[in-house]
Structure formats: C-alpha cells, structure tokens
Amino acid sequence: MPLEIVTVPCRTDNYAYLLRDAETGQVGLVDAPETAPIAAALAERGWGLDLVLITHHHDDHVAAVEDLRREHGAKVAGAAADRRRLPALDVELAEGDTLSLGASEARVFEVPGHTIGHIAFHFADDAALFTADSLMALGCGRLFEGTPAQMWASLSKLAALPDETLVYSGHEYTESNARFALSVDPDNADLVARAADIARMRARGEATVPARLDLERATNPFLRAGDAALKRRIDMPDISDEEAFAEIRRRKDLF
C-alpha cells in the first residue's frame, strides 16, 4: 500500500513533508521548520505523529522538533554523526541503515556537503527521495561545511537512483535556481522548457517540488558537471567532473 505524502509549506520558502503509511496509519514528518503549519496540517487530517526524520541540524529544519515531540510523543531520528547538534535522538542513523514507518521502509544516505552530517531518506517502494538541502530542484545546497568533492560524491550517489524517483527537497528555490542554470547551460533545450514551466507554476502559486530525478539529471547543472558540452560552455573543457562541479558551485555563490 502506498505512502501518502503531504507537502507542508513553512516559513517563507521551506517545505516539510508529512508521511502516512497506509497499511498501519503511522505518520512521520521529514524536517520540522515551524510548529504552526505542521500542527495545522496534522489537525486537519486528524493525524497523530509517530516519527520525525531529521535531515540536518540547521534551525530552519529542526526548530519545531521539540514542540511536536511534546505534543505527540513522536520519536526523533537523525544522523548519528551529528547527534551533538541535533535535538535528542531516539534513533541514530548512518549510511545504509533502514528506517521503518509502519510497513514503509526508508534507506538512509549520508550526503555531506551542505553540512557534514546531512542525510537523505529514500523510500524505494514509493519512489520518494527526501533530500532537504543536498540535491535540490535545479540546484544543490550551499557548501557551508563540506567540500566540493564531498558534495559531488553525495549528488552522484543520489543521481544513480532510478529515473522515476521523485526528489522532495527542502525549499522553494527552483525559479531562482532556473535563472542561474540558464546562465551556465543556455543551450539545453530541456532546461529552457523546464524554466518556462516553472515560471508558469510559480505565477499560479504552485510548488515546483517534487521533481523527477531523470528531469534533474537532464537539467540541473550541478548534476551535469560531468557533461562535456557544459564544461565547454564554462570554458573549462579539460577539467575533471569534480572540478567542474566546484566551478559551477562557485559561480552560483556569486550569482
């Protein structure tokens, strides 16, 4: 039975995600940016909250954890490597671990780069990948703590998942990411078409996430750092894929 996924807009541009396992009725939450909208979404559906899945320690992803724990008695799961910077963890996770929400199961990926302790959750049976600020729609998170090599390895790991995987990232940054992507990859017809679709969606107030992973591979410049045409477009045809990623990330930081 499928996992029901509800997108909850928080703050000015954050997304949290409620997950309900259809077989057991257990409810999880990926990240907790803000109490009120999450509490309202739960109340509207008459749901409790059994498990909070934390991707990384930044306040705009954990600020509501303690409120929700107190209100619902939810367990909290996050990266063992970052336990000292996270709310108190009931479940500590590392690369390759699995985490159950009722009958639904997620695989844990360590994806350092944005932060050293960032993790992502892949519910393979539901083709759902929760990436927060690692892989983002048409982008990736700023490298606050990790290195370009770490982030390139993290993104490459996620990019190897099946085409139909839906990427649920942590922010509504896609329209601005599209503007940057076009600045480095303007001849990419798939990107041009996607940017136009995104502009229409945002004009209607629609969310641009989730996005299919095959579309990300075709249009996201951070996943395309290994593409020879893109390397030529940034006037660096002979650099390594990792070096191309670093250059594209540098340009995004200055954009």
Protein backbone atom coordinates (compact mmCIF):
# COMPACT_ATOMS: atom_id res chain seq x y z
CA MET A 1 0.00 0.00 0.00
CA PRO A 2 1.39 3.43 -0.89
CA LEU A 3 2.86 6.06 1.36
CA GLU A 4 0.68 9.18 1.47
CA ILE A 5 2.84 12.32 1.24
CA VAL A 6 1.61 15.79 2.17
CA THR A 7 3.72 18.87 1.44
CA VAL A 8 3.57 21.47 4.22
CA PRO A 9 4.88 24.96 3.34
CA CYS A 10 6.67 26.57 6.30
CA ARG A 11 8.37 29.89 6.98
CA THR A 12 8.92 31.84 3.77
CA ASP A 13 10.23 29.08 1.50
CA ASN A 14 10.71 25.86 3.49
CA TYR A 15 8.92 22.58 2.92
CA ALA A 16 8.19 19.89 5.49
CA TYR A 17 6.65 16.58 4.46
CA LEU A 18 4.08 14.50 6.32
CA LEU A 19 4.21 10.78 5.51
CA ARG A 20 1.37 8.40 6.34
CA ASP A 21 1.88 4.67 5.99
CA ALA A 22 -1.39 3.43 4.51
CA GLU A 23 -1.13 -0.08 5.97
CA THR A 24 -0.66 0.90 9.62
CA GLY A 25 -1.72 4.54 9.78
CA GLN A 26 1.60 5.56 11.30
CA VAL A 27 2.62 9.14 10.49
CA GLY A 28 6.08 10.55 10.01
CA LEU A 29 7.46 14.01 9.30
CA VAL A 30 10.55 14.91 7.31
CA ASP A 31 12.07 18.00 8.95
CA ALA A 32 10.28 20.42 11.24
CA PRO A 33 10.86 24.04 10.24
CA GLU A 34 7.86 25.61 12.01
CA THR A 35 5.28 24.36 14.50
CA ALA A 36 2.03 26.08 13.47
CA PRO A 37 1.64 24.91 9.84
CA ILE A 38 2.67 21.35 10.68
CA ALA A 39 0.31 21.20 13.66
CA ALA A 40 -2.48 22.59 11.46
CA ALA A 41 -1.86 20.01 8.73
CA LEU A 42 -1.96 17.19 11.28
CA ALA A 43 -5.13 18.52 12.94
CA GLU A 44 -6.88 18.98 9.60
CA ARG A 45 -6.41 15.28 8.85
CA GLY A 46 -6.94 14.01 12.39
CA TRP A 47 -3.45 12.52 12.41
CA GLY A 48 -1.05 12.00 15.26
CA LEU A 49 2.70 12.00 14.75
CA ASP A 50 4.83 8.93 15.40
CA LEU A 51 8.26 9.76 13.95
CA VAL A 52 10.26 12.85 12.96
CA LEU A 53 13.02 12.27 10.39
CA ILE A 54 15.69 15.00 10.54
CA THR A 55 17.95 15.63 7.56
CA HIS A 56 20.39 18.12 9.14
CA HIS A 57 20.91 20.44 12.06
CA HIS A 58 20.03 23.86 10.63
CA ASP A 59 17.35 25.68 12.60
CA ASP A 60 15.00 26.00 9.61
CA HIS A 61 14.79 22.20 9.59
CA VAL A 62 14.63 21.41 13.34
CA ALA A 63 13.03 24.43 15.07
CA ALA A 64 9.69 22.68 15.69
CA VAL A 65 11.01 19.27 16.73
CA GLU A 66 10.64 19.72 20.49
CA ASP A 67 7.13 21.24 20.23
CA LEU A 68 5.97 18.31 18.11
CA ARG A 69 7.67 15.76 20.35
CA ARG A 70 5.91 17.17 23.41
CA GLU A 71 2.53 17.38 21.71
CA HIS A 72 2.53 13.96 20.03
CA GLY A 73 5.16 11.86 21.79
CA ALA A 74 6.91 11.37 18.46
CA LYS A 75 10.25 9.60 18.24
CA VAL A 76 13.06 11.52 16.55
CA ALA A 77 15.54 10.02 14.08
CA GLY A 78 18.65 11.68 12.68
CA ALA A 79 22.31 11.28 11.83
CA ALA A 80 24.49 9.62 14.45
CA ALA A 81 27.44 11.63 13.14
CA ASP A 82 25.67 14.90 14.02
CA ARG A 83 24.00 13.88 17.27
CA ARG A 84 25.60 16.73 19.24
CA ARG A 85 23.99 19.39 17.04
CA LEU A 86 20.57 17.79 16.65
CA PRO A 87 17.62 17.57 19.03
CA ALA A 88 17.88 14.48 21.25
CA LEU A 89 17.67 11.42 19.03
CA ASP A 90 15.71 8.27 19.77
CA VAL A 91 17.09 6.63 16.62
CA GLU A 92 20.63 7.29 15.37
CA LEU A 93 21.25 6.64 11.69
CA ALA A 94 24.20 6.14 9.34
CA GLU A 95 24.84 5.29 5.68
CA GLY A 96 22.95 2.20 4.55
CA ASP A 97 20.69 1.95 7.60
CA THR A 98 16.99 1.35 7.09
CA LEU A 99 14.23 3.11 8.98
CA SER A 100 10.66 1.85 9.23
CA LEU A 101 7.48 3.90 9.35
CA GLY A 102 4.89 1.22 9.83
CA ALA A 103 5.20 -1.05 6.78
CA SER A 104 7.09 1.60 4.79
CA GLU A 105 10.87 1.48 4.78
CA ALA A 106 13.47 4.13 4.01
CA ARG A 107 17.14 3.69 3.22
CA VAL A 108 19.48 6.28 4.70
CA PHE A 109 22.10 8.04 2.59
CA GLU A 110 24.86 10.15 4.10
CA VAL A 111 25.12 13.21 1.83
CA PRO A 112 27.70 15.63 3.29
CA GLY A 113 28.35 18.93 1.59
CA HIS A 114 25.78 21.48 2.74
CA THR A 115 26.58 20.27 6.25
CA ILE A 116 28.91 17.48 7.29
CA GLY A 117 26.12 15.46 8.92
CA HIS A 118 23.41 15.81 6.27
CA ILE A 119 21.41 12.66 5.45
CA ALA A 120 18.67 11.83 2.93
CA PHE A 121 15.84 9.28 3.08
CA HIS A 122 14.84 7.05 0.15
CA PHE A 123 11.52 5.20 0.25
CA ALA A 124 12.23 2.97 -2.74
CA ASP A 125 8.80 1.30 -2.91
CA ASP A 126 7.22 4.75 -3.20
CA ALA A 127 9.93 6.23 -5.46
CA ALA A 128 10.30 9.07 -2.92
CA LEU A 129 13.64 10.67 -2.03
CA PHE A 130 13.77 13.32 0.71
CA THR A 131 16.93 15.36 0.16
CA ALA A 132 16.36 18.66 2.02
CA ASP A 133 19.35 20.89 1.20
CA SER A 134 21.61 18.38 -0.57
CA LEU A 135 20.06 17.75 -4.00
CA MET A 136 17.51 20.48 -4.68
CA ALA A 137 15.22 21.15 -7.61
CA LEU A 138 17.60 22.57 -10.26
CA GLY A 139 20.22 23.16 -7.60
CA CYS A 140 22.11 21.98 -4.55
CA GLY A 141 22.73 23.44 -1.12
CA ARG A 142 25.47 25.96 -0.46
CA LEU A 143 28.62 24.32 0.90
CA PHE A 144 28.58 25.71 4.42
CA GLU A 145 30.70 22.91 5.90
CA GLY A 146 31.65 20.33 3.29
CA THR A 147 33.95 20.39 0.30
CA PRO A 148 33.10 20.31 -3.41
CA ALA A 149 34.46 16.77 -3.52
CA GLN A 150 32.08 15.68 -0.77
CA MET A 151 29.06 17.32 -2.36
CA TRP A 152 29.86 15.97 -5.81
CA ALA A 153 30.13 12.47 -4.34
CA SER A 154 26.84 12.96 -2.47
CA LEU A 155 25.00 14.19 -5.55
CA SER A 156 26.45 11.42 -7.70
CA LYS A 157 25.20 8.84 -5.21
CA LEU A 158 21.66 10.24 -5.33
CA ALA A 159 21.73 10.67 -9.11
CA ALA A 160 22.29 6.93 -9.51
CA LEU A 161 18.79 6.16 -8.20
CA PRO A 162 16.01 5.17 -10.65
CA ASP A 163 14.66 7.66 -13.18
CA GLU A 164 11.17 7.72 -11.70
CA THR A 165 12.39 8.74 -8.24
CA LEU A 166 10.65 11.89 -7.02
CA VAL A 167 13.01 14.34 -5.31
CA TYR A 168 11.43 16.15 -2.36
CA SER A 169 13.82 18.97 -1.49
CA GLY A 170 13.61 21.36 1.43
CA HIS A 171 12.96 24.77 -0.15
CA GLU A 172 11.09 26.54 -2.92
CA TYR A 173 14.19 27.85 -4.67
CA THR A 174 13.50 26.45 -8.12
CA GLU A 175 12.69 29.65 -10.00
CA SER A 176 15.91 31.38 -8.89
CA ASN A 177 17.84 28.15 -9.48
CA ALA A 178 16.48 28.08 -13.03
CA ARG A 179 17.77 31.57 -13.72
CA PHE A 180 21.26 30.52 -12.66
CA ALA A 181 21.07 27.22 -14.56
CA LEU A 182 20.26 29.10 -17.77
CA SER A 183 23.29 31.32 -17.23
CA VAL A 184 25.66 28.34 -17.48
CA ASP A 185 23.63 25.99 -19.69
CA PRO A 186 21.57 28.21 -22.02
CA ASP A 187 21.61 25.81 -24.99
CA ASN A 188 19.95 22.99 -23.04
CA ALA A 189 16.50 22.66 -24.62
CA ASP A 190 15.17 20.58 -21.73
CA LEU A 191 16.27 23.26 -19.29
CA VAL A 192 14.72 26.08 -21.34
CA ALA A 193 11.41 24.23 -21.43
CA ARG A 194 11.56 23.42 -17.74
CA ALA A 195 12.35 27.02 -16.78
CA ALA A 196 9.26 28.16 -18.68
CA ASP A 197 7.12 25.54 -16.92
CA ILE A 198 8.50 26.64 -13.53
CA ALA A 199 7.70 30.28 -14.22
CA ARG A 200 4.10 29.35 -15.04
CA MET A 201 3.79 27.19 -11.92
CA ARG A 202 5.12 29.91 -9.64
CA ALA A 203 2.83 32.50 -11.23
CA ARG A 204 -0.05 30.24 -10.16
CA GLY A 205 1.42 29.81 -6.67
CA GLU A 206 2.15 26.12 -7.22
CA ALA A 207 5.01 24.19 -5.64
CA THR A 208 7.77 23.08 -8.02
CA VAL A 209 8.77 20.10 -5.89
CA PRO A 210 8.86 17.18 -6.04
CA ALA A 211 10.72 16.75 -9.32
CA ARG A 212 11.58 13.55 -11.15
CA LEU A 213 15.19 12.51 -10.91
CA ASP A 214 15.56 11.94 -14.66
CA LEU A 215 14.47 15.54 -15.20
CA GLU A 216 17.05 16.70 -12.65
CA ARG A 217 19.79 14.76 -14.42
CA ALA A 218 18.82 16.40 -17.71
CA THR A 219 18.53 19.98 -16.44
CA ASN A 220 20.25 20.51 -13.08
CA PRO A 221 23.73 21.97 -13.78
CA PHE A 222 25.11 20.51 -10.57
CA LEU A 223 24.25 17.01 -11.75
CA ARG A 224 25.52 17.82 -15.26
CA ALA A 225 29.03 18.79 -14.16
CA GLY A 226 30.37 15.72 -15.96
CA ASP A 227 28.81 16.71 -19.27
CA ALA A 228 31.40 17.65 -21.90
CA ALA A 229 29.17 20.27 -23.53
CA LEU A 230 28.60 22.02 -20.22
CA LYS A 231 32.34 22.03 -19.50
CA ARG A 232 32.91 23.69 -22.86
CA ARG A 233 30.18 26.21 -22.11
CA ILE A 234 32.00 27.32 -18.94
CA ASP A 235 35.28 27.46 -20.92
CA MET A 236 36.88 24.59 -19.00
CA PRO A 237 36.72 21.60 -21.36
CA ASP A 238 39.60 19.64 -19.84
CA ILE A 239 38.80 19.74 -16.12
CA SER A 240 37.55 16.80 -14.07
CA ASP A 241 33.90 16.36 -13.22
CA GLU A 242 34.61 17.29 -9.61
CA GLU A 243 36.43 20.45 -10.68
CA ALA A 244 33.54 21.37 -12.97
CA PHE A 245 31.11 20.96 -10.10
CA ALA A 246 33.28 23.20 -7.90
CA GLU A 247 33.36 25.88 -10.59
CA ILE A 248 29.61 25.77 -11.12
CA ARG A 249 29.03 25.98 -7.36
CA ARG A 250 31.45 28.95 -7.17
CA ARG A 251 29.53 30.74 -9.88
CA LYS A 252 26.23 30.08 -8.15
CA ASP A 253 27.56 31.58 -4.92
CA LEU A 254 28.40 34.77 -6.86
CA PHE A 255 25.21 34.84 -8.95
